[in-house]
Amino acid sequence: TAAFGLPNQVLGRLIGEGSLNDLARRFNMGLSPTELAKSI
């Protein structure tokens, strides 16, 4: 698992997601409960 680099790849992806989540929070972006329910 380590030799294939999976731990770092997965954490890198989640850190990338986290950076965008943080930016969205600073922009006060969100989704209304109605739209979220529709998506789900």
Full PDB file with SEQRES, HELIX, SHEET, SSBOND, CRYST1, ORIGX, SCALE, CONECT and MASTER records, all heavy atoms in Angstrom:
SEQRES   1 A   40  THR ALA ALA PHE GLY LEU PRO ASN GLN VAL LEU GLY ARG          
SEQRES   2 A   40  LEU ILE GLY GLU GLY SER LEU ASN ASP LEU ALA ARG ARG          
SEQRES   3 A   40  PHE ASN MET GLY LEU SER PRO THR GLU LEU ALA LYS SER          
SEQRES   4 A   40  ILE                                                          
HELIX    1 AA1 LEU A    6  ARG A   26  1                                  21    
HELIX    2 AA2 PRO A   33  SER A   39  1                                   7    
CRYST1    1.000    1.000    1.000  90.00  90.00  90.00 P 1           1          
ORIGX1      1.000000  0.000000  0.000000        0.00000                         
ORIGX2      0.000000  1.000000  0.000000        0.00000                         
ORIGX3      0.000000  0.000000  1.000000        0.00000                         
SCALE1      1.000000  0.000000  0.000000        0.00000                         
SCALE2      0.000000  1.000000  0.000000        0.00000                         
SCALE3      0.000000  0.000000  1.000000        0.00000                         
ATOM      1  N   THR A   1       0.838  -1.198   0.000  1.00  0.00           N  
ATOM      2  CA  THR A   1       0.000   0.000   0.000  1.00  0.00           C  
ATOM      3  C   THR A   1       0.871   1.246   0.000  1.00  0.00           C  
ATOM      4  O   THR A   1       0.628   2.200  -0.748  1.00  0.00           O  
ATOM      5  CB  THR A   1      -0.926   0.005   1.232  1.00  0.00           C  
ATOM      6  OG1 THR A   1      -1.802  -1.126   1.183  1.00  0.00           O  
ATOM      7  CG2 THR A   1      -1.768   1.269   1.282  1.00  0.00           C  
ATOM      8  N   ALA A   2       1.902   1.231   0.832  1.00  0.00           N  
ATOM      9  CA  ALA A   2       2.818   2.371   0.890  1.00  0.00           C  
ATOM     10  C   ALA A   2       3.641   2.478  -0.389  1.00  0.00           C  
ATOM     11  O   ALA A   2       3.872   3.575  -0.901  1.00  0.00           O  
ATOM     12  CB  ALA A   2       3.731   2.239   2.109  1.00  0.00           C  
ATOM     13  N   ALA A   3       4.090   1.329  -0.927  1.00  0.00           N  
ATOM     14  CA  ALA A   3       4.925   1.336  -2.135  1.00  0.00           C  
ATOM     15  C   ALA A   3       4.165   1.920  -3.324  1.00  0.00           C  
ATOM     16  O   ALA A   3       4.748   2.610  -4.174  1.00  0.00           O  
ATOM     17  CB  ALA A   3       5.399  -0.082  -2.451  1.00  0.00           C  
ATOM     18  N   PHE A   4       2.865   1.660  -3.419  1.00  0.00           N  
ATOM     19  CA  PHE A   4       2.058   2.220  -4.496  1.00  0.00           C  
ATOM     20  C   PHE A   4       1.729   3.691  -4.258  1.00  0.00           C  
ATOM     21  O   PHE A   4       1.147   4.348  -5.132  1.00  0.00           O  
ATOM     22  CB  PHE A   4       0.752   1.431  -4.661  1.00  0.00           C  
ATOM     23  CG  PHE A   4       0.913   0.145  -5.425  1.00  0.00           C  
ATOM     24  CD1 PHE A   4       0.738  -1.077  -4.795  1.00  0.00           C  
ATOM     25  CD2 PHE A   4       1.232   0.162  -6.768  1.00  0.00           C  
ATOM     26  CE1 PHE A   4       0.877  -2.266  -5.497  1.00  0.00           C  
ATOM     27  CE2 PHE A   4       1.374  -1.017  -7.481  1.00  0.00           C  
ATOM     28  CZ  PHE A   4       1.205  -2.239  -6.850  1.00  0.00           C  
ATOM     29  N   GLY A   5       2.070   4.203  -3.069  1.00  0.00           N  
ATOM     30  CA  GLY A   5       1.848   5.617  -2.777  1.00  0.00           C  
ATOM     31  C   GLY A   5       0.416   5.974  -2.460  1.00  0.00           C  
ATOM     32  O   GLY A   5       0.043   7.159  -2.481  1.00  0.00           O  
ATOM     33  N   LEU A   6      -0.429   4.970  -2.145  1.00  0.00           N  
ATOM     34  CA  LEU A   6      -1.844   5.256  -1.905  1.00  0.00           C  
ATOM     35  C   LEU A   6      -2.085   6.175  -0.716  1.00  0.00           C  
ATOM     36  O   LEU A   6      -2.925   7.088  -0.806  1.00  0.00           O  
ATOM     37  CB  LEU A   6      -2.624   3.945  -1.725  1.00  0.00           C  
ATOM     38  CG  LEU A   6      -2.651   2.996  -2.932  1.00  0.00           C  
ATOM     39  CD1 LEU A   6      -3.550   1.804  -2.658  1.00  0.00           C  
ATOM     40  CD2 LEU A   6      -3.112   3.720  -4.177  1.00  0.00           C  
ATOM     41  N   PRO A   7      -1.392   5.987   0.426  1.00  0.00           N  
ATOM     42  CA  PRO A   7      -1.661   6.881   1.568  1.00  0.00           C  
ATOM     43  C   PRO A   7      -1.441   8.349   1.230  1.00  0.00           C  
ATOM     44  O   PRO A   7      -2.284   9.201   1.553  1.00  0.00           O  
ATOM     45  CB  PRO A   7      -0.676   6.385   2.639  1.00  0.00           C  
ATOM     46  CG  PRO A   7      -0.449   4.950   2.301  1.00  0.00           C  
ATOM     47  CD  PRO A   7      -0.445   4.909   0.805  1.00  0.00           C  
ATOM     48  N   ASN A   8      -0.335   8.667   0.567  1.00  0.00           N  
ATOM     49  CA  ASN A   8      -0.048  10.060   0.227  1.00  0.00           C  
ATOM     50  C   ASN A   8      -0.977  10.581  -0.866  1.00  0.00           C  
ATOM     51  O   ASN A   8      -1.384  11.743  -0.843  1.00  0.00           O  
ATOM     52  CB  ASN A   8       1.409  10.204  -0.213  1.00  0.00           C  
ATOM     53  CG  ASN A   8       2.382  10.013   0.934  1.00  0.00           C  
ATOM     54  OD1 ASN A   8       2.024  10.199   2.100  1.00  0.00           O  
ATOM     55  ND2 ASN A   8       3.607   9.627   0.628  1.00  0.00           N  
ATOM     56  N   GLN A   9      -1.319   9.709  -1.818  1.00  0.00           N  
ATOM     57  CA  GLN A   9      -2.228  10.137  -2.878  1.00  0.00           C  
ATOM     58  C   GLN A   9      -3.594  10.516  -2.315  1.00  0.00           C  
ATOM     59  O   GLN A   9      -4.161  11.554  -2.671  1.00  0.00           O  
ATOM     60  CB  GLN A   9      -2.389   9.022  -3.911  1.00  0.00           C  
ATOM     61  CG  GLN A   9      -1.150   8.765  -4.759  1.00  0.00           C  
ATOM     62  CD  GLN A   9      -1.317   7.559  -5.666  1.00  0.00           C  
ATOM     63  OE1 GLN A   9      -2.435   7.201  -6.020  1.00  0.00           O  
ATOM     64  NE2 GLN A   9      -0.215   6.932  -6.028  1.00  0.00           N  
ATOM     65  N   VAL A  10      -4.119   9.664  -1.440  1.00  0.00           N  
ATOM     66  CA  VAL A  10      -5.440   9.929  -0.868  1.00  0.00           C  
ATOM     67  C   VAL A  10      -5.405  11.186  -0.008  1.00  0.00           C  
ATOM     68  O   VAL A  10      -6.291  12.044  -0.101  1.00  0.00           O  
ATOM     69  CB  VAL A  10      -5.926   8.717  -0.045  1.00  0.00           C  
ATOM     70  CG1 VAL A  10      -7.204   9.057   0.718  1.00  0.00           C  
ATOM     71  CG2 VAL A  10      -6.168   7.523  -0.964  1.00  0.00           C  
ATOM     72  N   LEU A  11      -4.378  11.314   0.840  1.00  0.00           N  
ATOM     73  CA  LEU A  11      -4.303  12.496   1.689  1.00  0.00           C  
ATOM     74  C   LEU A  11      -4.107  13.750   0.837  1.00  0.00           C  
ATOM     75  O   LEU A  11      -4.689  14.806   1.133  1.00  0.00           O  
ATOM     76  CB  LEU A  11      -3.160  12.356   2.698  1.00  0.00           C  
ATOM     77  CG  LEU A  11      -3.101  13.468   3.759  1.00  0.00           C  
ATOM     78  CD1 LEU A  11      -4.407  13.522   4.552  1.00  0.00           C  
ATOM     79  CD2 LEU A  11      -1.925  13.263   4.697  1.00  0.00           C  
ATOM     80  N   GLY A  12      -3.311  13.666  -0.224  1.00  0.00           N  
ATOM     81  CA  GLY A  12      -3.136  14.810  -1.117  1.00  0.00           C  
ATOM     82  C   GLY A  12      -4.448  15.244  -1.739  1.00  0.00           C  
ATOM     83  O   GLY A  12      -4.731  16.439  -1.868  1.00  0.00           O  
ATOM     84  N   ARG A  13      -5.251  14.254  -2.150  1.00  0.00           N  
ATOM     85  CA  ARG A  13      -6.557  14.599  -2.721  1.00  0.00           C  
ATOM     86  C   ARG A  13      -7.447  15.283  -1.696  1.00  0.00           C  
ATOM     87  O   ARG A  13      -8.107  16.283  -1.995  1.00  0.00           O  
ATOM     88  CB  ARG A  13      -7.234  13.330  -3.253  1.00  0.00           C  
ATOM     89  CG  ARG A  13      -8.662  13.552  -3.697  1.00  0.00           C  
ATOM     90  CD  ARG A  13      -9.149  12.431  -4.598  1.00  0.00           C  
ATOM     91  NE  ARG A  13      -9.007  11.118  -4.005  1.00  0.00           N  
ATOM     92  CZ  ARG A  13      -9.846  10.613  -3.108  1.00  0.00           C  
ATOM     93  NH1 ARG A  13     -10.867  11.346  -2.687  1.00  0.00           N  
ATOM     94  NH2 ARG A  13      -9.671   9.398  -2.639  1.00  0.00           N  
ATOM     95  N   LEU A  14      -7.476  14.757  -0.462  1.00  0.00           N  
ATOM     96  CA  LEU A  14      -8.315  15.352   0.574  1.00  0.00           C  
ATOM     97  C   LEU A  14      -7.828  16.740   0.960  1.00  0.00           C  
ATOM     98  O   LEU A  14      -8.631  17.621   1.288  1.00  0.00           O  
ATOM     99  CB  LEU A  14      -8.354  14.435   1.797  1.00  0.00           C  
ATOM    100  CG  LEU A  14      -9.053  13.089   1.592  1.00  0.00           C  
ATOM    101  CD1 LEU A  14      -9.011  12.260   2.861  1.00  0.00           C  
ATOM    102  CD2 LEU A  14     -10.491  13.290   1.148  1.00  0.00           C  
ATOM    103  N   ILE A  15      -6.508  16.953   0.950  1.00  0.00           N  
ATOM    104  CA  ILE A  15      -5.977  18.288   1.230  1.00  0.00           C  
ATOM    105  C   ILE A  15      -6.396  19.242   0.108  1.00  0.00           C  
ATOM    106  O   ILE A  15      -6.749  20.405   0.352  1.00  0.00           O  
ATOM    107  CB  ILE A  15      -4.448  18.239   1.387  1.00  0.00           C  
ATOM    108  CG1 ILE A  15      -4.084  17.572   2.716  1.00  0.00           C  
ATOM    109  CG2 ILE A  15      -3.834  19.631   1.317  1.00  0.00           C  
ATOM    110  CD1 ILE A  15      -2.598  17.332   2.914  1.00  0.00           C  
ATOM    111  N   GLY A  16      -6.366  18.755  -1.158  1.00  0.00           N  
ATOM    112  CA  GLY A  16      -6.846  19.571  -2.271  1.00  0.00           C  
ATOM    113  C   GLY A  16      -8.308  19.934  -2.089  1.00  0.00           C  
ATOM    114  O   GLY A  16      -8.710  21.087  -2.311  1.00  0.00           O  
ATOM    115  N   GLU A  17      -9.129  18.979  -1.672  1.00  0.00           N  
ATOM    116  CA  GLU A  17     -10.532  19.259  -1.396  1.00  0.00           C  
ATOM    117  C   GLU A  17     -10.655  20.287  -0.276  1.00  0.00           C  
ATOM    118  O   GLU A  17     -11.475  21.209  -0.337  1.00  0.00           O  
ATOM    119  CB  GLU A  17     -11.257  17.974  -1.002  1.00  0.00           C  
ATOM    120  CG  GLU A  17     -11.428  16.979  -2.110  1.00  0.00           C  
ATOM    121  CD  GLU A  17     -12.144  15.721  -1.638  1.00  0.00           C  
ATOM    122  OE1 GLU A  17     -12.555  15.694  -0.451  1.00  0.00           O  
ATOM    123  OE2 GLU A  17     -12.280  14.782  -2.431  1.00  0.00           O  
ATOM    124  N   GLY A  18      -9.820  20.102   0.770  1.00  0.00           N  
ATOM    125  CA  GLY A  18      -9.880  21.005   1.916  1.00  0.00           C  
ATOM    126  C   GLY A  18      -9.555  22.437   1.537  1.00  0.00           C  
ATOM    127  O   GLY A  18     -10.164  23.380   2.059  1.00  0.00           O  
ATOM    128  N   SER A  19      -8.585  22.626   0.620  1.00  0.00           N  
ATOM    129  CA  SER A  19      -8.240  23.989   0.200  1.00  0.00           C  
ATOM    130  C   SER A  19      -9.418  24.655  -0.490  1.00  0.00           C  
ATOM    131  O   SER A  19      -9.694  25.843  -0.287  1.00  0.00           O  
ATOM    132  CB  SER A  19      -7.012  23.964  -0.716  1.00  0.00           C  
ATOM    133  OG  SER A  19      -7.330  23.375  -1.965  1.00  0.00           O  
ATOM    134  N   LEU A  20     -10.146  23.888  -1.325  1.00  0.00           N  
ATOM    135  CA  LEU A  20     -11.311  24.454  -2.006  1.00  0.00           C  
ATOM    136  C   LEU A  20     -12.461  24.676  -1.036  1.00  0.00           C  
ATOM    137  O   LEU A  20     -13.214  25.651  -1.168  1.00  0.00           O  
ATOM    138  CB  LEU A  20     -11.732  23.534  -3.149  1.00  0.00           C  
ATOM    139  CG  LEU A  20     -10.673  23.337  -4.247  1.00  0.00           C  
ATOM    140  CD1 LEU A  20     -11.189  22.372  -5.300  1.00  0.00           C  
ATOM    141  CD2 LEU A  20     -10.276  24.651  -4.875  1.00  0.00           C  
ATOM    142  N   ASN A  21     -12.632  23.757  -0.073  1.00  0.00           N  
ATOM    143  CA  ASN A  21     -13.654  23.960   0.955  1.00  0.00           C  
ATOM    144  C   ASN A  21     -13.387  25.243   1.729  1.00  0.00           C  
ATOM    145  O   ASN A  21     -14.305  26.010   2.052  1.00  0.00           O  
ATOM    146  CB  ASN A  21     -13.690  22.778   1.914  1.00  0.00           C  
ATOM    147  CG  ASN A  21     -14.259  21.524   1.271  1.00  0.00           C  
ATOM    148  OD1 ASN A  21     -14.939  21.591   0.252  1.00  0.00           O  
ATOM    149  ND2 ASN A  21     -13.973  20.379   1.867  1.00  0.00           N  
ATOM    150  N   ASP A  22     -12.105  25.485   2.048  1.00  0.00           N  
ATOM    151  CA  ASP A  22     -11.750  26.669   2.815  1.00  0.00           C  
ATOM    152  C   ASP A  22     -12.033  27.935   2.006  1.00  0.00           C  
ATOM    153  O   ASP A  22     -12.547  28.930   2.539  1.00  0.00           O  
ATOM    154  CB  ASP A  22     -10.277  26.601   3.215  1.00  0.00           C  
ATOM    155  CG  ASP A  22      -9.914  27.613   4.285  1.00  0.00           C  
ATOM    156  OD1 ASP A  22     -10.115  27.304   5.472  1.00  0.00           O  
ATOM    157  OD2 ASP A  22      -9.452  28.718   3.919  1.00  0.00           O  
ATOM    158  N   LEU A  23     -11.703  27.894   0.703  1.00  0.00           N  
ATOM    159  CA  LEU A  23     -11.980  29.048  -0.143  1.00  0.00           C  
ATOM    160  C   LEU A  23     -13.480  29.297  -0.234  1.00  0.00           C  
ATOM    161  O   LEU A  23     -13.929  30.449  -0.167  1.00  0.00           O  
ATOM    162  CB  LEU A  23     -11.397  28.821  -1.535  1.00  0.00           C  
ATOM    163  CG  LEU A  23     -11.597  29.954  -2.550  1.00  0.00           C  
ATOM    164  CD1 LEU A  23     -10.920  31.231  -2.065  1.00  0.00           C  
ATOM    165  CD2 LEU A  23     -11.081  29.550  -3.923  1.00  0.00           C  
ATOM    166  N   ALA A  24     -14.259  28.256  -0.392  1.00  0.00           N  
ATOM    167  CA  ALA A  24     -15.716  28.404  -0.476  1.00  0.00           C  
ATOM    168  C   ALA A  24     -16.261  29.011   0.809  1.00  0.00           C  
ATOM    169  O   ALA A  24     -17.184  29.838   0.773  1.00  0.00           O  
ATOM    170  CB  ALA A  24     -16.360  27.044  -0.743  1.00  0.00           C  
ATOM    171  N   ARG A  25     -15.698  28.627   1.940  1.00  0.00           N  
ATOM    172  CA  ARG A  25     -16.143  29.187   3.216  1.00  0.00           C  
ATOM    173  C   ARG A  25     -15.834  30.680   3.279  1.00  0.00           C  
ATOM    174  O   ARG A  25     -16.646  31.478   3.724  1.00  0.00           O  
ATOM    175  CB  ARG A  25     -15.465  28.454   4.376  1.00  0.00           C  
ATOM    176  CG  ARG A  25     -15.932  28.919   5.750  1.00  0.00           C  
ATOM    177  CD  ARG A  25     -15.220  28.188   6.874  1.00  0.00           C  
ATOM    178  NE  ARG A  25     -15.519  26.756   6.845  1.00  0.00           N  
ATOM    179  CZ  ARG A  25     -14.642  25.834   6.461  1.00  0.00           C  
ATOM    180  NH1 ARG A  25     -13.411  26.184   6.109  1.00  0.00           N  
ATOM    181  NH2 ARG A  25     -14.988  24.570   6.448  1.00  0.00           N  
ATOM    182  N   ARG A  26     -14.644  31.068   2.795  1.00  0.00           N  
ATOM    183  CA  ARG A  26     -14.282  32.488   2.814  1.00  0.00           C  
ATOM    184  C   ARG A  26     -15.153  33.305   1.868  1.00  0.00           C  
ATOM    185  O   ARG A  26     -15.376  34.498   2.071  1.00  0.00           O  
ATOM    186  CB  ARG A  26     -12.810  32.647   2.451  1.00  0.00           C  
ATOM    187  CG  ARG A  26     -11.866  32.288   3.608  1.00  0.00           C  
ATOM    188  CD  ARG A  26     -10.434  32.665   3.274  1.00  0.00           C  
ATOM    189  NE  ARG A  26      -9.768  31.646   2.462  1.00  0.00           N  
ATOM    190  CZ  ARG A  26      -8.652  31.870   1.774  1.00  0.00           C  
ATOM    191  NH1 ARG A  26      -8.101  33.069   1.765  1.00  0.00           N  
ATOM    192  NH2 ARG A  26      -8.099  30.895   1.074  1.00  0.00           N  
ATOM    193  N   PHE A  27     -15.637  32.663   0.795  1.00  0.00           N  
ATOM    194  CA  PHE A  27     -16.548  33.347  -0.133  1.00  0.00           C  
ATOM    195  C   PHE A  27     -18.002  33.285   0.332  1.00  0.00           C  
ATOM    196  O   PHE A  27     -18.891  33.745  -0.368  1.00  0.00           O  
ATOM    197  CB  PHE A  27     -16.458  32.696  -1.514  1.00  0.00           C  
ATOM    198  CG  PHE A  27     -15.222  33.056  -2.288  1.00  0.00           C  
ATOM    199  CD1 PHE A  27     -14.927  32.396  -3.481  1.00  0.00           C  
ATOM    200  CD2 PHE A  27     -14.360  34.043  -1.838  1.00  0.00           C  
ATOM    201  CE1 PHE A  27     -13.782  32.726  -4.205  1.00  0.00           C  
ATOM    202  CE2 PHE A  27     -13.219  34.368  -2.564  1.00  0.00           C  
ATOM    203  CZ  PHE A  27     -12.925  33.714  -3.743  1.00  0.00           C  
ATOM    204  N   ASN A  28     -18.219  32.665   1.512  1.00  0.00           N  
ATOM    205  CA  ASN A  28     -19.578  32.496   2.052  1.00  0.00           C  
ATOM    206  C   ASN A  28     -20.484  31.732   1.085  1.00  0.00           C  
ATOM    207  O   ASN A  28     -21.668  32.030   0.948  1.00  0.00           O  
ATOM    208  CB  ASN A  28     -20.213  33.852   2.392  1.00  0.00           C  
ATOM    209  CG  ASN A  28     -19.515  34.537   3.537  1.00  0.00           C  
ATOM    210  OD1 ASN A  28     -19.162  33.894   4.539  1.00  0.00           O  
ATOM    211  ND2 ASN A  28     -19.305  35.852   3.420  1.00  0.00           N  
ATOM    212  N   MET A  29     -19.892  30.766   0.393  1.00  0.00           N  
ATOM    213  CA  MET A  29     -20.678  29.955  -0.527  1.00  0.00           C  
ATOM    214  C   MET A  29     -21.409  28.865   0.244  1.00  0.00           C  
ATOM    215  O   MET A  29     -20.925  28.384   1.268  1.00  0.00           O  
ATOM    216  CB  MET A  29     -19.776  29.319  -1.585  1.00  0.00           C  
ATOM    217  CG  MET A  29     -19.108  30.308  -2.511  1.00  0.00           C  
ATOM    218  SD  MET A  29     -18.065  29.482  -3.747  1.00  0.00           S  
ATOM    219  CE  MET A  29     -19.324  28.612  -4.697  1.00  0.00           C  
ATOM    220  N   GLY A  30     -22.549  28.500  -0.252  1.00  0.00           N  
ATOM    221  CA  GLY A  30     -23.324  27.456   0.408  1.00  0.00           C  
ATOM    222  C   GLY A  30     -24.375  26.901  -0.521  1.00  0.00           C  
ATOM    223  O   GLY A  30     -24.430  27.227  -1.703  1.00  0.00           O  
ATOM    224  N   LEU A  31     -25.221  26.064   0.019  1.00  0.00           N  
ATOM    225  CA  LEU A  31     -26.271  25.420  -0.759  1.00  0.00           C  
ATOM    226  C   LEU A  31     -27.515  25.390   0.101  1.00  0.00           C  
ATOM    227  O   LEU A  31     -27.458  25.004   1.272  1.00  0.00           O  
ATOM    228  CB  LEU A  31     -25.842  23.996  -1.134  1.00  0.00           C  
ATOM    229  CG  LEU A  31     -26.626  23.292  -2.235  1.00  0.00           C  
ATOM    230  CD1 LEU A  31     -26.388  23.974  -3.572  1.00  0.00           C  
ATOM    231  CD2 LEU A  31     -26.212  21.825  -2.324  1.00  0.00           C  
ATOM    232  N   SER A  32     -28.618  25.815  -0.466  1.00  0.00           N  
ATOM    233  CA  SER A  32     -29.859  25.822   0.310  1.00  0.00           C  
ATOM    234  C   SER A  32     -30.288  24.404   0.630  1.00  0.00           C  
ATOM    235  O   SER A  32     -29.994  23.471  -0.135  1.00  0.00           O  
ATOM    236  CB  SER A  32     -30.968  26.527  -0.480  1.00  0.00           C  
ATOM    237  OG  SER A  32     -31.370  25.719  -1.578  1.00  0.00           O  
ATOM    238  N   PRO A  33     -30.974  24.205   1.767  1.00  0.00           N  
ATOM    239  CA  PRO A  33     -31.455  22.859   2.114  1.00  0.00           C  
ATOM    240  C   PRO A  33     -32.293  22.240   0.996  1.00  0.00           C  
ATOM    241  O   PRO A  33     -32.237  21.040   0.757  1.00  0.00           O  
ATOM    242  CB  PRO A  33     -32.276  23.090   3.384  1.00  0.00           C  
ATOM    243  CG  PRO A  33     -31.690  24.332   3.986  1.00  0.00           C  
ATOM    244  CD  PRO A  33     -31.295  25.196   2.818  1.00  0.00           C  
ATOM    245  N   THR A  34     -33.072  23.094   0.284  1.00  0.00           N  
ATOM    246  CA  THR A  34     -33.924  22.572  -0.785  1.00  0.00           C  
ATOM    247  C   THR A  34     -33.089  22.008  -1.931  1.00  0.00           C  
ATOM    248  O   THR A  34     -33.334  20.901  -2.427  1.00  0.00           O  
ATOM    249  CB  THR A  34     -34.841  23.686  -1.320  1.00  0.00           C  
ATOM    250  OG1 THR A  34     -35.649  24.181  -0.245  1.00  0.00           O  
ATOM    251  CG2 THR A  34     -35.734  23.156  -2.434  1.00  0.00           C  
ATOM    252  N   GLU A  35     -32.041  22.769  -2.354  1.00  0.00           N  
ATOM    253  CA  GLU A  35     -31.193  22.308  -3.446  1.00  0.00           C  
ATOM    254  C   GLU A  35     -30.376  21.086  -3.046  1.00  0.00           C  
ATOM    255  O   GLU A  35     -30.149  20.178  -3.848  1.00  0.00           O  
ATOM    256  CB  GLU A  35     -30.262  23.439  -3.897  1.00  0.00           C  
ATOM    257  CG  GLU A  35     -30.968  24.552  -4.653  1.00  0.00           C  
ATOM    258  CD  GLU A  35     -31.653  24.042  -5.909  1.00  0.00           C  
ATOM    259  OE1 GLU A  35     -31.024  23.264  -6.654  1.00  0.00           O  
ATOM    260  OE2 GLU A  35     -32.825  24.406  -6.136  1.00  0.00           O  
ATOM    261  N   LEU A  36     -29.920  21.077  -1.783  1.00  0.00           N  
ATOM    262  CA  LEU A  36     -29.155  19.923  -1.311  1.00  0.00           C  
ATOM    263  C   LEU A  36     -30.029  18.673  -1.301  1.00  0.00           C  
ATOM    264  O   LEU A  36     -29.610  17.593  -1.727  1.00  0.00           O  
ATOM    265  CB  LEU A  36     -28.601  20.195   0.087  1.00  0.00           C  
ATOM    266  CG  LEU A  36     -27.790  19.061   0.716  1.00  0.00           C  
ATOM    267  CD1 LEU A  36     -26.576  18.710  -0.139  1.00  0.00           C  
ATOM    268  CD2 LEU A  36     -27.342  19.447   2.130  1.00  0.00           C  
ATOM    269  N   ALA A  37     -31.270  18.826  -0.810  1.00  0.00           N  
ATOM    270  CA  ALA A  37     -32.191  17.678  -0.782  1.00  0.00           C  
ATOM    271  C   ALA A  37     -32.477  17.188  -2.193  1.00  0.00           C  
ATOM    272  O   ALA A  37     -32.549  15.981  -2.448  1.00  0.00           O  
ATOM    273  CB  ALA A  37     -33.489  18.076  -0.084  1.00  0.00           C  
ATOM    274  N   LYS A  38     -32.619  18.141  -3.144  1.00  0.00           N  
ATOM    275  CA  LYS A  38     -32.881  17.768  -4.531  1.00  0.00           C  
ATOM    276  C   LYS A  38     -31.695  16.974  -5.101  1.00  0.00           C  
ATOM    277  O   LYS A  38     -31.878  15.975  -5.806  1.00  0.00           O  
ATOM    278  CB  LYS A  38     -33.128  19.021  -5.358  1.00  0.00           C  
ATOM    279  CG  LYS A  38     -33.531  18.738  -6.804  1.00  0.00           C  
ATOM    280  CD  LYS A  38     -33.645  20.033  -7.603  1.00  0.00           C  
ATOM    281  CE  LYS A  38     -34.696  20.952  -7.026  1.00  0.00           C  
ATOM    282  NZ  LYS A  38     -34.860  22.165  -7.866  1.00  0.00           N  
ATOM    283  N   SER A  39     -30.468  17.437  -4.783  1.00  0.00           N  
ATOM    284  CA  SER A  39     -29.277  16.746  -5.275  1.00  0.00           C  
ATOM    285  C   SER A  39     -29.183  15.343  -4.711  1.00  0.00           C  
ATOM    286  O   SER A  39     -28.870  14.386  -5.432  1.00  0.00           O  
ATOM    287  CB  SER A  39     -28.029  17.555  -4.905  1.00  0.00           C  
ATOM    288  OG  SER A  39     -26.864  16.855  -5.223  1.00  0.00           O  
ATOM    289  N   ILE A  40     -29.447  15.194  -3.420  1.00  0.00           N  
ATOM    290  CA  ILE A  40     -29.374  13.875  -2.780  1.00  0.00           C  
ATOM    291  C   ILE A  40     -30.445  12.951  -3.356  1.00  0.00           C  
ATOM    292  O   ILE A  40     -30.212  11.763  -3.587  1.00  0.00           O  
ATOM    293  CB  ILE A  40     -29.511  14.011  -1.258  1.00  0.00           C  
ATOM    294  CG1 ILE A  40     -28.276  14.729  -0.691  1.00  0.00           C  
ATOM    295  CG2 ILE A  40     -29.689  12.650  -0.597  1.00  0.00           C  
ATOM    296  CD1 ILE A  40     -28.374  15.038   0.793  1.00  0.00           C  
TER     297      ILE A  40                                                      
MASTER        0    0    0    2    0    0    0    6  296    1    0    4          
END                                                                             
